[in-house]
Amino acid sequence: MLSSIFWQHPLVETAGYFSVVVLCLFVSMIIFEIVTKYKNWEEIKKGNVAVALATGGKILGVCNIFRYSIEKHTSLLEMLGWGLFGFSLLIFAYILFEFLTPKFKVDEEIAADNRSVGFISCTISVGLSFVIGASIS
């Protein structure tokens, strides 16, 4: 009984959600590193603002999706499942963005520090994270 009270304490729940989301964010950044043709952190280290914008948008998007998932679910497992589903939709949106811009290659433009493409990528990630998050049931 005492252990169940401990796990239901708001500080413990917050630390648990935080830990799981940070781990998911870390994994999502690895997956985005695989999906993109450039190396995110190497480009950011070189000062590539377009990559920083695109990566920042992905980070904010993933965190926003998990924020909605935490808000709408009472168990850690449900939150994790819906958050990962939302993240999958965000990756699909990124691939779709590349596909729907036949005039140029999004990854190549971002790697070349085209800040307008980086900004649009950021905006798409953040904007769609609100739509994805709101639709999580």
Protein backbone atom coordinates (compact mmCIF):
# COMPACT_ATOMS: atom_id res chain seq x y z
CA MET A 1 0.00 0.00 0.00
CA LEU A 2 2.78 2.41 0.86
CA SER A 3 4.53 1.66 -2.43
CA SER A 4 1.38 2.44 -4.45
CA ILE A 5 1.08 5.79 -2.67
CA PHE A 6 4.72 6.51 -3.51
CA TRP A 7 4.23 5.82 -7.23
CA GLN A 8 1.11 8.00 -7.33
CA HIS A 9 2.78 11.00 -5.74
CA PRO A 10 2.78 13.93 -8.22
CA LEU A 11 6.55 14.45 -7.93
CA VAL A 12 7.24 10.79 -8.67
CA GLU A 13 4.76 10.75 -11.58
CA THR A 14 6.30 13.93 -13.01
CA ALA A 15 9.81 12.49 -12.75
CA GLY A 16 8.60 9.28 -14.42
CA TYR A 17 6.92 11.08 -17.32
CA PHE A 18 9.91 13.37 -17.71
CA SER A 19 12.36 10.46 -17.80
CA VAL A 20 10.34 8.50 -20.34
CA VAL A 21 9.83 11.52 -22.61
CA VAL A 22 13.53 12.46 -22.50
CA LEU A 23 14.39 8.89 -23.49
CA CYS A 24 11.81 9.01 -26.31
CA LEU A 25 13.17 12.37 -27.44
CA PHE A 26 16.68 10.91 -27.54
CA VAL A 27 15.47 7.95 -29.61
CA SER A 28 13.47 10.22 -31.91
CA MET A 29 16.56 12.35 -32.59
CA ILE A 30 18.46 9.18 -33.54
CA ILE A 31 15.63 8.21 -35.90
CA PHE A 32 15.56 11.69 -37.45
CA GLU A 33 19.34 11.46 -37.87
CA ILE A 34 18.79 8.26 -39.88
CA VAL A 35 15.91 9.75 -41.92
CA THR A 36 17.74 12.92 -42.95
CA LYS A 37 20.66 12.88 -45.36
CA TYR A 38 22.74 15.28 -43.31
CA LYS A 39 24.22 14.83 -39.84
CA ASN A 40 22.15 17.11 -37.60
CA TRP A 41 24.59 17.71 -34.77
CA GLU A 42 27.66 18.04 -37.01
CA GLU A 43 25.85 20.67 -39.10
CA ILE A 44 24.65 22.52 -36.02
CA LYS A 45 28.19 22.52 -34.65
CA LYS A 46 29.34 24.12 -37.92
CA GLY A 47 26.72 26.86 -37.49
CA ASN A 48 24.16 25.65 -40.02
CA VAL A 49 21.10 27.67 -38.96
CA ALA A 50 18.74 25.82 -41.33
CA VAL A 51 19.58 22.50 -39.69
CA ALA A 52 19.23 24.10 -36.24
CA LEU A 53 15.77 25.39 -37.19
CA ALA A 54 14.66 22.05 -38.63
CA THR A 55 16.06 20.09 -35.67
CA GLY A 56 14.60 22.53 -33.15
CA GLY A 57 11.21 22.16 -34.81
CA LYS A 58 11.46 18.39 -34.57
CA ILE A 59 12.40 18.57 -30.88
CA LEU A 60 9.57 20.97 -30.13
CA GLY A 61 7.16 18.88 -32.20
CA VAL A 62 8.02 15.63 -30.43
CA CYS A 63 7.79 17.27 -26.99
CA ASN A 64 4.46 18.88 -27.88
CA ILE A 65 3.00 15.54 -28.98
CA PHE A 66 4.10 13.93 -25.72
CA ARG A 67 2.68 16.89 -23.81
CA TYR A 68 -0.75 16.15 -25.28
CA SER A 69 -0.30 12.46 -24.62
CA ILE A 70 0.57 13.05 -20.96
CA GLU A 71 -2.42 15.36 -20.58
CA LYS A 72 -4.92 12.90 -22.05
CA HIS A 73 -3.77 9.57 -20.58
CA THR A 74 -3.65 8.28 -17.05
CA SER A 75 -1.10 5.51 -17.45
CA LEU A 76 2.52 5.69 -18.48
CA LEU A 77 2.04 2.89 -21.00
CA GLU A 78 -0.90 4.62 -22.74
CA MET A 79 1.02 7.90 -22.81
CA LEU A 80 4.02 6.18 -24.33
CA GLY A 81 1.99 4.33 -26.96
CA TRP A 82 0.07 7.39 -28.13
CA GLY A 83 3.19 9.54 -28.00
CA LEU A 84 5.10 7.10 -30.18
CA PHE A 85 2.18 6.89 -32.59
CA GLY A 86 2.16 10.69 -32.81
CA PHE A 87 5.91 10.70 -33.38
CA SER A 88 5.45 8.21 -36.23
CA LEU A 89 2.97 10.61 -37.82
CA LEU A 90 5.51 13.42 -37.47
CA ILE A 91 8.13 11.36 -39.32
CA PHE A 92 5.57 10.59 -42.01
CA ALA A 93 4.87 14.33 -42.33
CA TYR A 94 8.58 15.04 -42.79
CA ILE A 95 8.85 12.43 -45.55
CA LEU A 96 5.67 13.79 -47.12
CA PHE A 97 7.15 17.32 -47.05
CA GLU A 98 10.15 16.04 -49.03
CA PHE A 99 7.84 14.26 -51.48
CA LEU A 100 5.51 17.24 -51.98
CA THR A 101 8.31 19.62 -52.94
CA PRO A 102 9.43 18.30 -56.34
CA LYS A 103 11.15 21.60 -57.29
CA PHE A 104 13.94 20.99 -54.79
CA LYS A 105 15.21 18.41 -52.31
CA VAL A 106 14.37 19.52 -48.77
CA ASP A 107 17.31 17.66 -47.16
CA GLU A 108 19.80 19.12 -49.65
CA GLU A 109 18.49 22.66 -49.13
CA ILE A 110 18.63 22.34 -45.36
CA ALA A 111 22.12 20.86 -45.53
CA ALA A 112 23.14 23.85 -47.70
CA ASP A 113 21.89 26.20 -44.93
CA ASN A 114 18.83 27.42 -46.84
CA ARG A 115 17.21 29.05 -43.82
CA SER A 116 13.85 29.56 -45.47
CA VAL A 117 13.51 25.80 -46.03
CA GLY A 118 14.76 25.16 -42.48
CA PHE A 119 12.17 27.58 -41.14
CA ILE A 120 9.35 25.98 -43.13
CA SER A 121 10.48 22.55 -41.90
CA CYS A 122 10.42 23.85 -38.33
CA THR A 123 6.96 25.34 -38.81
CA ILE A 124 5.59 22.14 -40.32
CA SER A 125 6.93 20.04 -37.44
CA VAL A 126 5.58 22.36 -34.77
CA GLY A 127 2.28 23.06 -36.52
CA LEU A 128 1.49 19.44 -37.22
CA SER A 129 2.45 18.47 -33.69
CA PHE A 130 -0.52 20.54 -32.48
CA VAL A 131 -2.85 18.76 -34.91
CA ILE A 132 -1.44 15.34 -34.03
CA GLY A 133 -1.55 16.12 -30.32
CA ALA A 134 -5.12 17.37 -30.43
CA SER A 135 -6.23 14.22 -32.24
CA ILE A 136 -4.65 11.83 -29.75
CA SER A 137 -7.47 10.09 -27.93
